[in-house]
Amino acid sequence: VKIKGMPYKDFLQSPYWKAISYYVKFKNGFSCQICHSKKNLATHHKTYKNHGSEHLHWRTDLICLCEDCHSKFH
């Protein structure tokens, strides 16, 4: 199954996404890019236009957010 064709819930559990998500958190010092919290971090898509190729666009499309800041985007 291709990444783009996966149900989003399954995508979030894929080794691909787990690696990308960890990398984004690592590159941002395991800190929320808005409030700088280091608790309950998530990797958030700013846009889904590059879904399936996040590894090429992580700098522009992905952001590390804490749970509280992430909830403000949803």
C-alpha atoms as a PDB file:
ATOM      1  CA  VAL A   1       0.000   0.000   0.000  1.00  0.00           C
ATOM      2  CA  LYS A   2       1.340   3.388  -0.942  1.00  0.00           C
ATOM      3  CA  ILE A   3       1.543   6.040   1.761  1.00  0.00           C
ATOM      4  CA  LYS A   4      -0.891   8.342  -0.067  1.00  0.00           C
ATOM      5  CA  GLY A   5      -3.467   5.580  -0.390  1.00  0.00           C
ATOM      6  CA  MET A   6      -3.475   4.607   3.274  1.00  0.00           C
ATOM      7  CA  PRO A   7      -6.261   5.642   5.595  1.00  0.00           C
ATOM      8  CA  TYR A   8      -4.838   8.569   7.596  1.00  0.00           C
ATOM      9  CA  LYS A   9      -5.181   6.693  10.896  1.00  0.00           C
ATOM     10  CA  ASP A  10      -2.991   3.887   9.479  1.00  0.00           C
ATOM     11  CA  PHE A  11      -0.550   6.421   8.019  1.00  0.00           C
ATOM     12  CA  LEU A  12       0.030   7.867  11.507  1.00  0.00           C
ATOM     13  CA  GLN A  13       1.049   4.390  12.719  1.00  0.00           C
ATOM     14  CA  SER A  14       3.363   3.650   9.780  1.00  0.00           C
ATOM     15  CA  PRO A  15       7.122   3.321  10.272  1.00  0.00           C
ATOM     16  CA  TYR A  16       7.519   6.038   7.621  1.00  0.00           C
ATOM     17  CA  TRP A  17       5.505   8.618   9.588  1.00  0.00           C
ATOM     18  CA  LYS A  18       7.005   7.602  12.936  1.00  0.00           C
ATOM     19  CA  ALA A  19      10.503   8.205  11.530  1.00  0.00           C
ATOM     20  CA  ILE A  20       9.566  11.564   9.951  1.00  0.00           C
ATOM     21  CA  SER A  21       7.744  12.677  13.091  1.00  0.00           C
ATOM     22  CA  TYR A  22      10.688  11.772  15.319  1.00  0.00           C
ATOM     23  CA  TYR A  23      13.104  13.572  12.996  1.00  0.00           C
ATOM     24  CA  VAL A  24      11.038  16.785  13.068  1.00  0.00           C
ATOM     25  CA  LYS A  25      10.918  16.664  16.876  1.00  0.00           C
ATOM     26  CA  PHE A  26      14.660  15.973  17.029  1.00  0.00           C
ATOM     27  CA  LYS A  27      15.534  18.828  14.654  1.00  0.00           C
ATOM     28  CA  ASN A  28      13.454  21.180  16.825  1.00  0.00           C
ATOM     29  CA  GLY A  29      15.129  20.160  20.065  1.00  0.00           C
ATOM     30  CA  PHE A  30      12.076  18.211  21.238  1.00  0.00           C
ATOM     31  CA  SER A  31      10.370  21.534  21.878  1.00  0.00           C
ATOM     32  CA  CYS A  32       7.072  23.073  20.740  1.00  0.00           C
ATOM     33  CA  GLN A  33       7.805  25.685  18.097  1.00  0.00           C
ATOM     34  CA  ILE A  34       5.143  27.994  19.543  1.00  0.00           C
ATOM     35  CA  CYS A  35       5.339  27.826  23.357  1.00  0.00           C
ATOM     36  CA  HIS A  36       8.602  25.843  23.745  1.00  0.00           C
ATOM     37  CA  SER A  37       6.996  23.172  25.937  1.00  0.00           C
ATOM     38  CA  LYS A  38       8.763  19.817  25.910  1.00  0.00           C
ATOM     39  CA  LYS A  39       5.683  17.782  26.912  1.00  0.00           C
ATOM     40  CA  ASN A  40       3.207  15.812  24.783  1.00  0.00           C
ATOM     41  CA  LEU A  41       4.755  16.688  21.422  1.00  0.00           C
ATOM     42  CA  ALA A  42       3.221  16.019  18.023  1.00  0.00           C
ATOM     43  CA  THR A  43       4.342  16.637  14.476  1.00  0.00           C
ATOM     44  CA  HIS A  44       1.752  18.737  12.665  1.00  0.00           C
ATOM     45  CA  HIS A  45       1.211  19.086   8.913  1.00  0.00           C
ATOM     46  CA  LYS A  46       0.902  22.760   7.949  1.00  0.00           C
ATOM     47  CA  THR A  47      -0.402  21.559   4.585  1.00  0.00           C
ATOM     48  CA  TYR A  48      -1.161  18.173   3.056  1.00  0.00           C
ATOM     49  CA  LYS A  49      -0.082  19.066  -0.462  1.00  0.00           C
ATOM     50  CA  ASN A  50       3.087  16.990  -0.046  1.00  0.00           C
ATOM     51  CA  HIS A  51       1.475  14.083   1.795  1.00  0.00           C
ATOM     52  CA  GLY A  52       3.506  10.987   1.044  1.00  0.00           C
ATOM     53  CA  SER A  53       6.679  12.951   0.404  1.00  0.00           C
ATOM     54  CA  GLU A  54       7.086  14.572   3.827  1.00  0.00           C
ATOM     55  CA  HIS A  55      10.696  13.427   3.877  1.00  0.00           C
ATOM     56  CA  LEU A  56      11.385  15.918   1.072  1.00  0.00           C
ATOM     57  CA  HIS A  57       9.340  18.799   2.474  1.00  0.00           C
ATOM     58  CA  TRP A  58       9.609  18.483   6.255  1.00  0.00           C
ATOM     59  CA  ARG A  59      11.211  21.910   6.692  1.00  0.00           C
ATOM     60  CA  THR A  60       8.283  23.744   5.122  1.00  0.00           C
ATOM     61  CA  ASP A  61       5.309  21.447   5.753  1.00  0.00           C
ATOM     62  CA  LEU A  62       5.847  20.048   9.249  1.00  0.00           C
ATOM     63  CA  ILE A  63       6.053  21.673  12.666  1.00  0.00           C
ATOM     64  CA  CYS A  64       6.658  20.323  16.166  1.00  0.00           C
ATOM     65  CA  LEU A  65       3.837  21.301  18.536  1.00  0.00           C
ATOM     66  CA  CYS A  66       2.788  20.405  22.060  1.00  0.00           C
ATOM     67  CA  GLU A  67      -0.675  18.932  22.549  1.00  0.00           C
ATOM     68  CA  ASP A  68      -2.138  22.283  23.681  1.00  0.00           C
ATOM     69  CA  CYS A  69      -0.788  24.264  20.715  1.00  0.00           C
ATOM     70  CA  HIS A  70      -1.659  21.434  18.315  1.00  0.00           C
ATOM     71  CA  SER A  71      -5.278  21.491  19.465  1.00  0.00           C
ATOM     72  CA  LYS A  72      -5.513  25.154  18.408  1.00  0.00           C
ATOM     73  CA  PHE A  73      -4.966  24.087  14.793  1.00  0.00           C
ATOM     74  CA  HIS A  74      -7.794  21.503  14.813  1.00  0.00           C
END
